[in-house]
């Protein structure tokens, strides 16, 4: 006979929720303090050019725009801009796109990997070796091919070419590694990967994580919008 679930009293549930909120607030405060310290240390050691968002600041400066002007044109507060650039050193790709769009430029990203991607098409995963003998499985079961015991996620294989994250889907598929193993190395869990494709957006820091852990090179493609003079 199944055990009866213990119901939590509303007062206790509310207290537990408040405790979680307090823990989250403390963790966030500590993380923010640590990141502010990191930005301060980078400035003291003259390493600001090594920040993740340095490429954006460089583009702004080259085109003759201050961070404050970008904030004004994009409808972003200067406080938020300072948060992105001077505290978190991070923002979403869609936000970076918007910062450049308001001054007439587009932003696309790609990760290139000449070392690890040898072929344009993935190596078949239905090959292996047992007891020192190589084998190959053949037949009409293409959809059953798996990555490390898991089906290839539909959000990767069915990612539309016009999606913001199409480039990432193609990069992961071309690497042709067990998906859980690849994401563990990139320090991105599977739920976060799904979220990236569901929202069709990604943090700049996650782009750096994936490129760094897969020996890839990030290519930022900045072009003048066609409808701009």
C-alpha atoms as a PDB file:
ATOM      1  CA  UNK A   1       0.000   0.000   0.000  1.00  0.00           C
ATOM      2  CA  UNK A   2       1.545   3.335  -1.060  1.00  0.00           C
ATOM      3  CA  UNK A   3       2.619   5.626   1.730  1.00  0.00           C
ATOM      4  CA  UNK A   4       0.489   8.678   2.279  1.00  0.00           C
ATOM      5  CA  UNK A   5       2.300  11.888   1.420  1.00  0.00           C
ATOM      6  CA  UNK A   6       2.952  14.136   4.361  1.00  0.00           C
ATOM      7  CA  UNK A   7       1.299  17.494   3.836  1.00  0.00           C
ATOM      8  CA  UNK A   8       3.249  20.591   4.769  1.00  0.00           C
ATOM      9  CA  UNK A   9       1.350  23.196   6.730  1.00  0.00           C
ATOM     10  CA  UNK A  10       0.939  26.534   4.903  1.00  0.00           C
ATOM     11  CA  UNK A  11       2.854  28.357   7.650  1.00  0.00           C
ATOM     12  CA  UNK A  12       5.792  25.944   7.381  1.00  0.00           C
ATOM     13  CA  UNK A  13       5.742  26.097   3.575  1.00  0.00           C
ATOM     14  CA  UNK A  14       5.840  29.899   3.681  1.00  0.00           C
ATOM     15  CA  UNK A  15       8.718  29.817   6.163  1.00  0.00           C
ATOM     16  CA  UNK A  16      10.660  27.404   3.928  1.00  0.00           C
ATOM     17  CA  UNK A  17      10.084  29.711   0.957  1.00  0.00           C
ATOM     18  CA  UNK A  18      11.364  32.688   2.938  1.00  0.00           C
ATOM     19  CA  UNK A  19      14.445  30.730   3.972  1.00  0.00           C
ATOM     20  CA  UNK A  20      15.177  29.849   0.325  1.00  0.00           C
ATOM     21  CA  UNK A  21      14.805  33.501  -0.640  1.00  0.00           C
ATOM     22  CA  UNK A  22      17.205  34.524   2.122  1.00  0.00           C
ATOM     23  CA  UNK A  23      19.766  31.909   1.026  1.00  0.00           C
ATOM     24  CA  UNK A  24      19.447  33.087  -2.581  1.00  0.00           C
ATOM     25  CA  UNK A  25      19.890  36.726  -1.522  1.00  0.00           C
ATOM     26  CA  UNK A  26      22.999  35.886   0.528  1.00  0.00           C
ATOM     27  CA  UNK A  27      24.502  33.850  -2.312  1.00  0.00           C
ATOM     28  CA  UNK A  28      23.761  36.610  -4.831  1.00  0.00           C
ATOM     29  CA  UNK A  29      25.268  39.261  -2.566  1.00  0.00           C
ATOM     30  CA  UNK A  30      28.438  37.212  -2.124  1.00  0.00           C
ATOM     31  CA  UNK A  31      28.679  36.501  -5.862  1.00  0.00           C
ATOM     32  CA  UNK A  32      28.212  40.185  -6.700  1.00  0.00           C
ATOM     33  CA  UNK A  33      30.872  41.186  -4.156  1.00  0.00           C
ATOM     34  CA  UNK A  34      33.307  38.640  -5.583  1.00  0.00           C
ATOM     35  CA  UNK A  35      32.684  39.817  -9.145  1.00  0.00           C
ATOM     36  CA  UNK A  36      33.136  43.477  -8.188  1.00  0.00           C
ATOM     37  CA  UNK A  37      36.442  42.513  -6.566  1.00  0.00           C
ATOM     38  CA  UNK A  38      37.463  40.674  -9.740  1.00  0.00           C
ATOM     39  CA  UNK A  39      36.680  43.713 -11.916  1.00  0.00           C
ATOM     40  CA  UNK A  40      38.591  45.964  -9.503  1.00  0.00           C
ATOM     41  CA  UNK A  41      41.592  43.631  -9.566  1.00  0.00           C
ATOM     42  CA  UNK A  42      41.518  43.493 -13.378  1.00  0.00           C
ATOM     43  CA  UNK A  43      41.579  47.288 -13.485  1.00  0.00           C
ATOM     44  CA  UNK A  44      44.458  47.530 -11.001  1.00  0.00           C
ATOM     45  CA  UNK A  45      46.451  44.951 -12.959  1.00  0.00           C
ATOM     46  CA  UNK A  46      45.555  46.610 -16.293  1.00  0.00           C
ATOM     47  CA  UNK A  47      43.791  43.458 -17.539  1.00  0.00           C
ATOM     48  CA  UNK A  48      40.468  45.044 -18.565  1.00  0.00           C
ATOM     49  CA  UNK A  49      41.225  44.165 -22.196  1.00  0.00           C
ATOM     50  CA  UNK A  50      40.918  40.509 -21.186  1.00  0.00           C
ATOM     51  CA  UNK A  51      37.276  40.834 -20.124  1.00  0.00           C
ATOM     52  CA  UNK A  52      34.554  38.921 -21.998  1.00  0.00           C
ATOM     53  CA  UNK A  53      32.745  42.113 -23.025  1.00  0.00           C
ATOM     54  CA  UNK A  54      35.947  43.899 -24.036  1.00  0.00           C
ATOM     55  CA  UNK A  55      35.122  43.271 -27.705  1.00  0.00           C
ATOM     56  CA  UNK A  56      31.891  45.266 -27.324  1.00  0.00           C
ATOM     57  CA  UNK A  57      33.595  48.192 -25.594  1.00  0.00           C
ATOM     58  CA  UNK A  58      36.238  48.178 -28.321  1.00  0.00           C
ATOM     59  CA  UNK A  59      33.547  48.358 -31.017  1.00  0.00           C
ATOM     60  CA  UNK A  60      31.771  51.221 -29.225  1.00  0.00           C
ATOM     61  CA  UNK A  61      35.025  53.164 -28.941  1.00  0.00           C
ATOM     62  CA  UNK A  62      36.035  52.509 -32.552  1.00  0.00           C
ATOM     63  CA  UNK A  63      32.663  53.777 -33.784  1.00  0.00           C
ATOM     64  CA  UNK A  64      32.843  56.838 -31.534  1.00  0.00           C
ATOM     65  CA  UNK A  65      30.172  55.911 -28.963  1.00  0.00           C
ATOM     66  CA  UNK A  66      30.390  56.092 -25.203  1.00  0.00           C
ATOM     67  CA  UNK A  67      28.782  53.481 -22.981  1.00  0.00           C
ATOM     68  CA  UNK A  68      26.400  56.173 -21.730  1.00  0.00           C
ATOM     69  CA  UNK A  69      25.273  56.954 -25.290  1.00  0.00           C
ATOM     70  CA  UNK A  70      24.661  53.290 -26.041  1.00  0.00           C
ATOM     71  CA  UNK A  71      22.541  53.110 -22.884  1.00  0.00           C
ATOM     72  CA  UNK A  72      20.512  56.124 -24.017  1.00  0.00           C
ATOM     73  CA  UNK A  73      19.940  54.831 -27.550  1.00  0.00           C
ATOM     74  CA  UNK A  74      18.997  51.313 -26.438  1.00  0.00           C
ATOM     75  CA  UNK A  75      16.717  52.466 -23.620  1.00  0.00           C
ATOM     76  CA  UNK A  76      18.982  50.857 -21.038  1.00  0.00           C
ATOM     77  CA  UNK A  77      19.874  52.615 -17.802  1.00  0.00           C
ATOM     78  CA  UNK A  78      23.488  53.559 -17.184  1.00  0.00           C
ATOM     79  CA  UNK A  79      23.239  51.543 -13.970  1.00  0.00           C
ATOM     80  CA  UNK A  80      22.349  48.434 -15.971  1.00  0.00           C
ATOM     81  CA  UNK A  81      25.200  49.081 -18.421  1.00  0.00           C
ATOM     82  CA  UNK A  82      27.614  49.420 -15.503  1.00  0.00           C
ATOM     83  CA  UNK A  83      26.259  46.151 -14.118  1.00  0.00           C
ATOM     84  CA  UNK A  84      26.913  44.352 -17.420  1.00  0.00           C
ATOM     85  CA  UNK A  85      30.354  45.804 -18.078  1.00  0.00           C
ATOM     86  CA  UNK A  86      31.815  46.657 -14.659  1.00  0.00           C
ATOM     87  CA  UNK A  87      30.359  43.971 -12.398  1.00  0.00           C
ATOM     88  CA  UNK A  88      29.142  40.853 -14.235  1.00  0.00           C
ATOM     89  CA  UNK A  89      31.278  41.211 -17.371  1.00  0.00           C
ATOM     90  CA  UNK A  90      28.409  39.388 -19.031  1.00  0.00           C
ATOM     91  CA  UNK A  91      25.094  39.851 -20.823  1.00  0.00           C
ATOM     92  CA  UNK A  92      22.880  37.871 -23.149  1.00  0.00           C
ATOM     93  CA  UNK A  93      23.728  37.643 -26.832  1.00  0.00           C
ATOM     94  CA  UNK A  94      20.383  39.291 -27.638  1.00  0.00           C
ATOM     95  CA  UNK A  95      21.372  42.272 -25.491  1.00  0.00           C
ATOM     96  CA  UNK A  96      24.730  42.597 -27.220  1.00  0.00           C
ATOM     97  CA  UNK A  97      22.888  42.471 -30.553  1.00  0.00           C
ATOM     98  CA  UNK A  98      20.597  45.286 -29.420  1.00  0.00           C
ATOM     99  CA  UNK A  99      23.515  47.473 -28.286  1.00  0.00           C
ATOM    100  CA  UNK A 100      24.942  47.307 -31.796  1.00  0.00           C
ATOM    101  CA  UNK A 101      21.609  47.443 -33.617  1.00  0.00           C
ATOM    102  CA  UNK A 102      20.824  50.911 -32.228  1.00  0.00           C
ATOM    103  CA  UNK A 103      23.986  52.270 -33.846  1.00  0.00           C
ATOM    104  CA  UNK A 104      23.335  50.561 -37.163  1.00  0.00           C
ATOM    105  CA  UNK A 105      25.295  47.312 -36.879  1.00  0.00           C
ATOM    106  CA  UNK A 106      24.462  43.608 -36.672  1.00  0.00           C
ATOM    107  CA  UNK A 107      26.206  41.011 -34.530  1.00  0.00           C
ATOM    108  CA  UNK A 108      26.617  37.331 -35.325  1.00  0.00           C
ATOM    109  CA  UNK A 109      28.764  34.789 -33.546  1.00  0.00           C
ATOM    110  CA  UNK A 110      30.396  31.524 -34.495  1.00  0.00           C
ATOM    111  CA  UNK A 111      32.836  29.136 -32.840  1.00  0.00           C
ATOM    112  CA  UNK A 112      35.444  27.732 -35.177  1.00  0.00           C
ATOM    113  CA  UNK A 113      37.513  24.691 -34.393  1.00  0.00           C
ATOM    114  CA  UNK A 114      40.064  23.582 -36.960  1.00  0.00           C
ATOM    115  CA  UNK A 115      41.821  21.206 -34.570  1.00  0.00           C
ATOM    116  CA  UNK A 116      38.893  19.024 -33.574  1.00  0.00           C
ATOM    117  CA  UNK A 117      36.482  19.220 -36.515  1.00  0.00           C
ATOM    118  CA  UNK A 118      38.118  17.223 -39.262  1.00  0.00           C
ATOM    119  CA  UNK A 119      35.059  16.219 -41.270  1.00  0.00           C
ATOM    120  CA  UNK A 120      31.985  18.193 -42.249  1.00  0.00           C
ATOM    121  CA  UNK A 121      29.723  15.250 -41.436  1.00  0.00           C
ATOM    122  CA  UNK A 122      29.684  13.509 -38.051  1.00  0.00           C
ATOM    123  CA  UNK A 123      31.334  10.127 -37.681  1.00  0.00           C
ATOM    124  CA  UNK A 124      28.771   7.348 -37.304  1.00  0.00           C
ATOM    125  CA  UNK A 125      28.204   6.333 -33.690  1.00  0.00           C
ATOM    126  CA  UNK A 126      27.146   2.778 -34.564  1.00  0.00           C
ATOM    127  CA  UNK A 127      30.736   1.560 -34.651  1.00  0.00           C
ATOM    128  CA  UNK A 128      32.883   0.249 -31.837  1.00  0.00           C
ATOM    129  CA  UNK A 129      35.100  -2.479 -30.518  1.00  0.00           C
ATOM    130  CA  UNK A 130      34.407  -5.442 -28.209  1.00  0.00           C
ATOM    131  CA  UNK A 131      36.954  -8.018 -27.041  1.00  0.00           C
ATOM    132  CA  UNK A 132      39.506  -6.464 -29.383  1.00  0.00           C
ATOM    133  CA  UNK A 133      37.244  -6.981 -32.415  1.00  0.00           C
ATOM    134  CA  UNK A 134      35.843  -3.991 -34.315  1.00  0.00           C
ATOM    135  CA  UNK A 135      32.148  -4.011 -35.200  1.00  0.00           C
ATOM    136  CA  UNK A 136      29.638  -1.948 -37.121  1.00  0.00           C
ATOM    137  CA  UNK A 137      25.846  -1.974 -36.755  1.00  0.00           C
ATOM    138  CA  UNK A 138      23.906  -1.423 -39.972  1.00  0.00           C
ATOM    139  CA  UNK A 139      20.209  -1.141 -40.722  1.00  0.00           C
ATOM    140  CA  UNK A 140      17.195   1.166 -40.905  1.00  0.00           C
ATOM    141  CA  UNK A 141      17.478   2.759 -37.504  1.00  0.00           C
ATOM    142  CA  UNK A 142      19.013   6.160 -38.087  1.00  0.00           C
ATOM    143  CA  UNK A 143      16.696   7.802 -35.546  1.00  0.00           C
ATOM    144  CA  UNK A 144      17.866   5.378 -32.853  1.00  0.00           C
ATOM    145  CA  UNK A 145      21.508   6.459 -32.927  1.00  0.00           C
ATOM    146  CA  UNK A 146      22.430   7.739 -29.500  1.00  0.00           C
ATOM    147  CA  UNK A 147      24.986   9.905 -27.792  1.00  0.00           C
ATOM    148  CA  UNK A 148      26.268   8.107 -24.721  1.00  0.00           C
ATOM    149  CA  UNK A 149      22.962   6.283 -24.246  1.00  0.00           C
ATOM    150  CA  UNK A 150      20.850   9.415 -24.792  1.00  0.00           C
ATOM    151  CA  UNK A 151      18.930  10.348 -27.943  1.00  0.00           C
ATOM    152  CA  UNK A 152      20.279  13.338 -29.827  1.00  0.00           C
ATOM    153  CA  UNK A 153      18.199  16.238 -28.472  1.00  0.00           C
ATOM    154  CA  UNK A 154      15.566  17.382 -30.956  1.00  0.00           C
ATOM    155  CA  UNK A 155      16.294  21.008 -30.120  1.00  0.00           C
ATOM    156  CA  UNK A 156      19.749  20.504 -31.663  1.00  0.00           C
ATOM    157  CA  UNK A 157      18.872  18.529 -34.777  1.00  0.00           C
ATOM    158  CA  UNK A 158      15.702  20.540 -35.479  1.00  0.00           C
ATOM    159  CA  UNK A 159      17.143  23.970 -34.753  1.00  0.00           C
ATOM    160  CA  UNK A 160      16.012  26.277 -37.560  1.00  0.00           C
ATOM    161  CA  UNK A 161      18.707  27.946 -39.730  1.00  0.00           C
ATOM    162  CA  UNK A 162      17.157  31.338 -38.989  1.00  0.00           C
ATOM    163  CA  UNK A 163      17.350  30.825 -35.199  1.00  0.00           C
ATOM    164  CA  UNK A 164      19.848  32.841 -33.181  1.00  0.00           C
ATOM    165  CA  UNK A 165      21.282  29.604 -31.749  1.00  0.00           C
ATOM    166  CA  UNK A 166      21.579  27.719 -35.053  1.00  0.00           C
ATOM    167  CA  UNK A 167      25.348  28.237 -35.100  1.00  0.00           C
ATOM    168  CA  UNK A 168      25.659  26.575 -31.680  1.00  0.00           C
ATOM    169  CA  UNK A 169      23.510  23.587 -32.667  1.00  0.00           C
ATOM    170  CA  UNK A 170      25.707  23.026 -35.710  1.00  0.00           C
ATOM    171  CA  UNK A 171      28.897  23.376 -33.690  1.00  0.00           C
ATOM    172  CA  UNK A 172      27.782  20.814 -31.097  1.00  0.00           C
ATOM    173  CA  UNK A 173      26.627  18.378 -33.785  1.00  0.00           C
ATOM    174  CA  UNK A 174      29.910  18.707 -35.676  1.00  0.00           C
ATOM    175  CA  UNK A 175      31.939  18.033 -32.537  1.00  0.00           C
ATOM    176  CA  UNK A 176      30.054  14.707 -32.467  1.00  0.00           C
ATOM    177  CA  UNK A 177      30.786  13.871 -28.824  1.00  0.00           C
ATOM    178  CA  UNK A 178      28.538  12.292 -26.193  1.00  0.00           C
ATOM    179  CA  UNK A 179      26.354  15.279 -25.329  1.00  0.00           C
ATOM    180  CA  UNK A 180      26.376  14.779 -21.541  1.00  0.00           C
ATOM    181  CA  UNK A 181      30.158  14.398 -21.520  1.00  0.00           C
ATOM    182  CA  UNK A 182      30.606  17.483 -23.702  1.00  0.00           C
ATOM    183  CA  UNK A 183      28.349  19.651 -21.538  1.00  0.00           C
ATOM    184  CA  UNK A 184      30.011  18.432 -18.337  1.00  0.00           C
ATOM    185  CA  UNK A 185      33.344  19.565 -19.721  1.00  0.00           C
ATOM    186  CA  UNK A 186      31.806  22.914 -20.672  1.00  0.00           C
ATOM    187  CA  UNK A 187      30.321  23.181 -17.155  1.00  0.00           C
ATOM    188  CA  UNK A 188      26.814  23.605 -18.557  1.00  0.00           C
ATOM    189  CA  UNK A 189      24.104  21.197 -17.391  1.00  0.00           C
ATOM    190  CA  UNK A 190      21.595  19.666 -19.786  1.00  0.00           C
ATOM    191  CA  UNK A 191      18.680  21.721 -18.456  1.00  0.00           C
ATOM    192  CA  UNK A 192      20.665  24.911 -19.108  1.00  0.00           C
ATOM    193  CA  UNK A 193      21.465  23.733 -22.630  1.00  0.00           C
ATOM    194  CA  UNK A 194      17.777  23.090 -23.292  1.00  0.00           C
ATOM    195  CA  UNK A 195      16.952  26.540 -21.884  1.00  0.00           C
ATOM    196  CA  UNK A 196      19.450  28.128 -24.294  1.00  0.00           C
ATOM    197  CA  UNK A 197      17.642  26.645 -27.277  1.00  0.00           C
ATOM    198  CA  UNK A 198      14.140  27.126 -25.859  1.00  0.00           C
ATOM    199  CA  UNK A 199      14.808  30.840 -25.314  1.00  0.00           C
ATOM    200  CA  UNK A 200      16.977  31.054 -28.441  1.00  0.00           C
ATOM    201  CA  UNK A 201      19.496  33.090 -26.467  1.00  0.00           C
ATOM    202  CA  UNK A 202      22.737  32.576 -24.547  1.00  0.00           C
ATOM    203  CA  UNK A 203      24.991  34.388 -22.109  1.00  0.00           C
ATOM    204  CA  UNK A 204      28.267  35.706 -23.486  1.00  0.00           C
ATOM    205  CA  UNK A 205      30.007  33.906 -20.606  1.00  0.00           C
ATOM    206  CA  UNK A 206      28.536  30.590 -21.802  1.00  0.00           C
ATOM    207  CA  UNK A 207      29.898  31.198 -25.299  1.00  0.00           C
ATOM    208  CA  UNK A 208      33.340  31.654 -23.735  1.00  0.00           C
ATOM    209  CA  UNK A 209      32.860  28.487 -21.652  1.00  0.00           C
ATOM    210  CA  UNK A 210      31.980  26.357 -24.669  1.00  0.00           C
ATOM    211  CA  UNK A 211      34.761  27.766 -26.843  1.00  0.00           C
ATOM    212  CA  UNK A 212      37.350  27.490 -24.082  1.00  0.00           C
ATOM    213  CA  UNK A 213      36.496  23.914 -23.124  1.00  0.00           C
ATOM    214  CA  UNK A 214      36.411  22.700 -26.752  1.00  0.00           C
ATOM    215  CA  UNK A 215      39.537  24.530 -27.951  1.00  0.00           C
ATOM    216  CA  UNK A 216      37.412  26.684 -30.238  1.00  0.00           C
ATOM    217  CA  UNK A 217      37.922  30.233 -31.470  1.00  0.00           C
ATOM    218  CA  UNK A 218      35.093  32.755 -31.142  1.00  0.00           C
ATOM    219  CA  UNK A 219      34.379  34.768 -34.253  1.00  0.00           C
ATOM    220  CA  UNK A 220      32.360  37.976 -33.671  1.00  0.00           C
ATOM    221  CA  UNK A 221      30.892  39.130 -36.976  1.00  0.00           C
ATOM    222  CA  UNK A 222      29.970  42.817 -36.928  1.00  0.00           C
ATOM    223  CA  UNK A 223      28.477  44.299 -40.078  1.00  0.00           C
ATOM    224  CA  UNK A 224      26.666  47.491 -40.987  1.00  0.00           C
ATOM    225  CA  UNK A 225      22.930  46.913 -41.278  1.00  0.00           C
ATOM    226  CA  UNK A 226      21.766  46.952 -44.877  1.00  0.00           C
ATOM    227  CA  UNK A 227      19.027  49.514 -44.249  1.00  0.00           C
ATOM    228  CA  UNK A 228      21.575  51.923 -42.803  1.00  0.00           C
ATOM    229  CA  UNK A 229      23.470  54.430 -44.952  1.00  0.00           C
END
